[in-house]
Amino acid sequence: MTILDFATSTATRADVSIPGLAAAQLHDSLWRVTRPAGDVVGYIERFSESRGIRYRAKRLIVRQQRFVPVGEFWSMQEALQCFRMN
């Protein structure tokens, strides 16, 4: 696997781990969250605000073909944790 220099950040796949979920980094500030079978559950987006770096979780609603914001978190681990439910 090749990791591009511009795709590294303080929260990469190796830094976060939730049983039953995988976070694949798409670029510097976006991760796709999937289940072991490959089903996409949502995305996590990293962004800056005046108080620091935040992570926004968006759940994919397949039948409606849209994303629903789940929340904003101070860590990648917290953002990934919200996808464990359901």
N, C-alpha and C. Protein backbone atom coordinates (compact mmCIF):
# COMPACT_ATOMS: atom_id res chain seq x y z
N MET A 1 0.84 -1.17 0.00
CA MET A 1 0.00 0.00 0.00
C MET A 1 0.89 1.23 0.00
N THR A 2 0.53 2.21 -0.80
CA THR A 2 1.27 3.45 -0.86
C THR A 2 0.55 4.52 -0.07
N ILE A 3 1.27 5.22 0.79
CA ILE A 3 0.69 6.34 1.53
C ILE A 3 1.33 7.60 0.98
N LEU A 4 0.51 8.48 0.48
CA LEU A 4 1.00 9.72 -0.09
C LEU A 4 1.32 10.72 1.02
N ASP A 5 2.36 11.53 0.82
CA ASP A 5 2.76 12.51 1.84
C ASP A 5 1.63 13.45 2.21
N PHE A 6 0.86 13.91 1.22
CA PHE A 6 -0.19 14.87 1.50
C PHE A 6 -1.37 14.23 2.23
N ALA A 7 -1.42 12.91 2.31
CA ALA A 7 -2.54 12.23 2.95
C ALA A 7 -2.27 11.88 4.39
N THR A 8 -1.15 12.32 4.93
CA THR A 8 -0.86 12.02 6.33
C THR A 8 -1.43 13.12 7.21
N SER A 9 -1.80 12.74 8.41
CA SER A 9 -2.35 13.71 9.35
C SER A 9 -2.12 13.19 10.76
N THR A 10 -2.62 13.91 11.74
CA THR A 10 -2.46 13.48 13.13
C THR A 10 -3.39 12.33 13.46
N ALA A 11 -4.39 12.05 12.64
CA ALA A 11 -5.31 10.93 12.90
C ALA A 11 -5.43 10.09 11.64
N THR A 12 -4.63 9.07 11.55
CA THR A 12 -4.69 8.18 10.41
C THR A 12 -5.32 6.87 10.82
N ARG A 13 -5.49 5.97 9.88
CA ARG A 13 -6.11 4.68 10.17
C ARG A 13 -5.43 3.97 11.33
N ALA A 14 -4.13 4.06 11.43
CA ALA A 14 -3.42 3.36 12.50
C ALA A 14 -3.74 3.94 13.87
N ASP A 15 -4.16 5.20 13.92
CA ASP A 15 -4.44 5.85 15.19
C ASP A 15 -5.82 5.53 15.74
N VAL A 16 -6.74 5.09 14.92
CA VAL A 16 -8.10 4.83 15.38
C VAL A 16 -8.47 3.39 15.11
N SER A 17 -9.20 2.83 16.05
CA SER A 17 -9.58 1.44 15.89
C SER A 17 -10.87 1.19 16.66
N ILE A 18 -11.87 0.73 15.95
CA ILE A 18 -13.16 0.37 16.53
C ILE A 18 -13.50 -1.01 15.98
N PRO A 19 -13.75 -2.00 16.84
CA PRO A 19 -14.11 -3.32 16.32
C PRO A 19 -15.35 -3.26 15.43
N GLY A 20 -15.26 -3.89 14.27
CA GLY A 20 -16.39 -3.92 13.35
C GLY A 20 -16.47 -2.76 12.40
N LEU A 21 -15.52 -1.82 12.47
CA LEU A 21 -15.51 -0.67 11.57
C LEU A 21 -14.10 -0.43 11.05
N ALA A 22 -14.01 0.10 9.86
CA ALA A 22 -12.72 0.49 9.28
C ALA A 22 -12.85 1.89 8.73
N ALA A 23 -11.83 2.71 8.95
CA ALA A 23 -11.81 4.07 8.42
C ALA A 23 -10.70 4.16 7.39
N ALA A 24 -11.07 4.34 6.13
CA ALA A 24 -10.10 4.45 5.04
C ALA A 24 -9.92 5.92 4.68
N GLN A 25 -8.70 6.41 4.81
CA GLN A 25 -8.43 7.81 4.53
C GLN A 25 -8.45 8.04 3.02
N LEU A 26 -9.33 8.94 2.59
CA LEU A 26 -9.47 9.26 1.17
C LEU A 26 -8.55 10.40 0.76
N HIS A 27 -8.41 11.38 1.62
CA HIS A 27 -7.43 12.45 1.46
C HIS A 27 -7.17 13.05 2.83
N ASP A 28 -6.45 14.14 2.89
CA ASP A 28 -5.97 14.69 4.16
C ASP A 28 -7.08 14.93 5.19
N SER A 29 -8.29 15.23 4.75
CA SER A 29 -9.33 15.57 5.73
C SER A 29 -10.63 14.81 5.53
N LEU A 30 -10.57 13.63 4.92
CA LEU A 30 -11.78 12.85 4.70
C LEU A 30 -11.51 11.36 4.81
N TRP A 31 -12.35 10.66 5.60
CA TRP A 31 -12.26 9.22 5.77
C TRP A 31 -13.60 8.58 5.44
N ARG A 32 -13.57 7.42 4.81
CA ARG A 32 -14.78 6.62 4.54
C ARG A 32 -14.84 5.55 5.62
N VAL A 33 -16.01 5.43 6.26
CA VAL A 33 -16.20 4.44 7.32
C VAL A 33 -17.00 3.28 6.75
N THR A 34 -16.45 2.06 6.89
CA THR A 34 -17.10 0.87 6.34
C THR A 34 -17.17 -0.23 7.40
N ARG A 35 -18.08 -1.16 7.16
CA ARG A 35 -18.17 -2.38 7.96
C ARG A 35 -17.25 -3.42 7.32
N PRO A 36 -16.94 -4.53 8.01
CA PRO A 36 -16.02 -5.54 7.44
C PRO A 36 -16.46 -6.09 6.08
N ALA A 37 -17.77 -6.15 5.82
CA ALA A 37 -18.26 -6.66 4.54
C ALA A 37 -18.09 -5.64 3.41
N GLY A 38 -17.67 -4.42 3.75
CA GLY A 38 -17.46 -3.39 2.75
C GLY A 38 -18.58 -2.37 2.64
N ASP A 39 -19.66 -2.55 3.41
CA ASP A 39 -20.77 -1.59 3.38
C ASP A 39 -20.30 -0.24 3.91
N VAL A 40 -20.58 0.82 3.16
CA VAL A 40 -20.23 2.17 3.60
C VAL A 40 -21.28 2.64 4.60
N VAL A 41 -20.82 3.06 5.78
CA VAL A 41 -21.75 3.56 6.80
C VAL A 41 -21.76 5.08 6.82
N GLY A 42 -20.67 5.69 6.43
CA GLY A 42 -20.62 7.15 6.42
C GLY A 42 -19.23 7.67 6.17
N TYR A 43 -19.06 8.94 6.49
CA TYR A 43 -17.79 9.63 6.28
C TYR A 43 -17.46 10.47 7.49
N ILE A 44 -16.17 10.70 7.70
CA ILE A 44 -15.70 11.61 8.73
C ILE A 44 -14.85 12.66 8.05
N GLU A 45 -15.17 13.91 8.34
CA GLU A 45 -14.49 15.04 7.72
C GLU A 45 -13.76 15.83 8.80
N ARG A 46 -12.49 16.12 8.58
CA ARG A 46 -11.72 16.94 9.52
C ARG A 46 -11.76 18.39 9.05
N PHE A 47 -11.96 19.30 10.00
CA PHE A 47 -11.97 20.73 9.65
C PHE A 47 -11.43 21.55 10.81
N SER A 48 -11.01 22.76 10.50
CA SER A 48 -10.48 23.67 11.52
C SER A 48 -11.55 24.66 11.92
N GLU A 49 -11.54 25.02 13.19
CA GLU A 49 -12.38 26.11 13.67
C GLU A 49 -11.52 26.92 14.63
N SER A 50 -12.06 27.99 15.15
CA SER A 50 -11.26 28.89 15.98
C SER A 50 -10.67 28.22 17.21
N ARG A 51 -11.30 27.19 17.74
CA ARG A 51 -10.82 26.51 18.95
C ARG A 51 -9.94 25.31 18.66
N GLY A 52 -9.79 24.93 17.39
CA GLY A 52 -8.92 23.81 17.05
C GLY A 52 -9.49 22.93 15.96
N ILE A 53 -8.97 21.72 15.87
CA ILE A 53 -9.39 20.75 14.85
C ILE A 53 -10.62 19.99 15.34
N ARG A 54 -11.60 19.84 14.46
CA ARG A 54 -12.84 19.12 14.78
C ARG A 54 -13.04 18.03 13.73
N TYR A 55 -13.90 17.07 14.07
CA TYR A 55 -14.23 15.96 13.18
C TYR A 55 -15.75 15.88 13.06
N ARG A 56 -16.25 15.94 11.83
CA ARG A 56 -17.69 15.89 11.56
C ARG A 56 -18.05 14.53 10.99
N ALA A 57 -18.97 13.84 11.65
CA ALA A 57 -19.42 12.52 11.19
C ALA A 57 -20.72 12.67 10.43
N LYS A 58 -20.80 11.98 9.28
CA LYS A 58 -22.00 11.99 8.45
C LYS A 58 -22.37 10.55 8.13
N ARG A 59 -23.58 10.16 8.50
CA ARG A 59 -24.07 8.80 8.23
C ARG A 59 -24.71 8.75 6.85
N LEU A 60 -24.43 7.69 6.11
CA LEU A 60 -25.02 7.49 4.79
C LEU A 60 -26.37 6.81 4.95
N ILE A 61 -27.42 7.41 4.39
CA ILE A 61 -28.75 6.81 4.36
C ILE A 61 -28.94 6.31 2.92
N VAL A 62 -28.73 5.02 2.73
CA VAL A 62 -28.68 4.43 1.39
C VAL A 62 -30.00 4.60 0.64
N ARG A 63 -31.10 4.27 1.29
CA ARG A 63 -32.40 4.34 0.61
C ARG A 63 -32.76 5.74 0.15
N GLN A 64 -32.31 6.74 0.90
CA GLN A 64 -32.61 8.13 0.53
C GLN A 64 -31.48 8.76 -0.28
N GLN A 65 -30.39 8.05 -0.44
CA GLN A 65 -29.22 8.51 -1.18
C GLN A 65 -28.75 9.88 -0.70
N ARG A 66 -28.56 9.98 0.62
CA ARG A 66 -28.09 11.25 1.19
C ARG A 66 -27.32 10.99 2.48
N PHE A 67 -26.68 12.02 2.97
CA PHE A 67 -25.93 11.95 4.21
C PHE A 67 -26.65 12.76 5.29
N VAL A 68 -26.61 12.26 6.51
CA VAL A 68 -27.20 12.95 7.65
C VAL A 68 -26.07 13.26 8.63
N PRO A 69 -25.89 14.53 8.98
CA PRO A 69 -24.87 14.85 9.97
C PRO A 69 -25.20 14.19 11.31
N VAL A 70 -24.20 13.53 11.90
CA VAL A 70 -24.40 12.86 13.18
C VAL A 70 -23.89 13.73 14.32
N GLY A 71 -22.80 14.42 14.10
CA GLY A 71 -22.25 15.29 15.14
C GLY A 71 -20.86 15.75 14.81
N GLU A 72 -20.36 16.65 15.64
CA GLU A 72 -19.01 17.16 15.53
C GLU A 72 -18.27 16.81 16.82
N PHE A 73 -17.03 16.37 16.68
CA PHE A 73 -16.29 15.82 17.80
C PHE A 73 -14.88 16.40 17.84
N TRP A 74 -14.24 16.31 19.01
CA TRP A 74 -12.89 16.81 19.17
C TRP A 74 -11.83 15.78 18.80
N SER A 75 -12.22 14.52 18.60
CA SER A 75 -11.23 13.52 18.21
C SER A 75 -11.80 12.60 17.13
N MET A 76 -10.91 12.03 16.36
CA MET A 76 -11.29 11.07 15.32
C MET A 76 -11.94 9.84 15.96
N GLN A 77 -11.39 9.43 17.10
CA GLN A 77 -11.90 8.26 17.81
C GLN A 77 -13.37 8.46 18.20
N GLU A 78 -13.71 9.62 18.72
CA GLU A 78 -15.11 9.92 19.09
C GLU A 78 -16.02 9.92 17.87
N ALA A 79 -15.55 10.50 16.78
CA ALA A 79 -16.35 10.54 15.55
C ALA A 79 -16.61 9.14 15.03
N LEU A 80 -15.60 8.30 15.05
CA LEU A 80 -15.75 6.92 14.58
C LEU A 80 -16.68 6.13 15.51
N GLN A 81 -16.59 6.40 16.78
CA GLN A 81 -17.41 5.69 17.78
C GLN A 81 -18.92 5.87 17.51
N CYS A 82 -19.33 7.01 16.99
CA CYS A 82 -20.76 7.26 16.77
C CYS A 82 -21.35 6.33 15.70
N PHE A 83 -20.52 5.71 14.87
CA PHE A 83 -21.02 4.79 13.84
C PHE A 83 -21.26 3.39 14.38
N ARG A 84 -20.88 3.10 15.61
CA ARG A 84 -21.11 1.78 16.20
C ARG A 84 -22.57 1.51 16.45
N MET A 85 -23.34 2.55 16.67
CA MET A 85 -24.76 2.39 16.94
C MET A 85 -25.52 2.08 15.66
N ASN A 86 -26.46 1.18 15.73
CA ASN A 86 -27.28 0.73 14.58
C ASN A 86 -26.53 -0.13 13.65
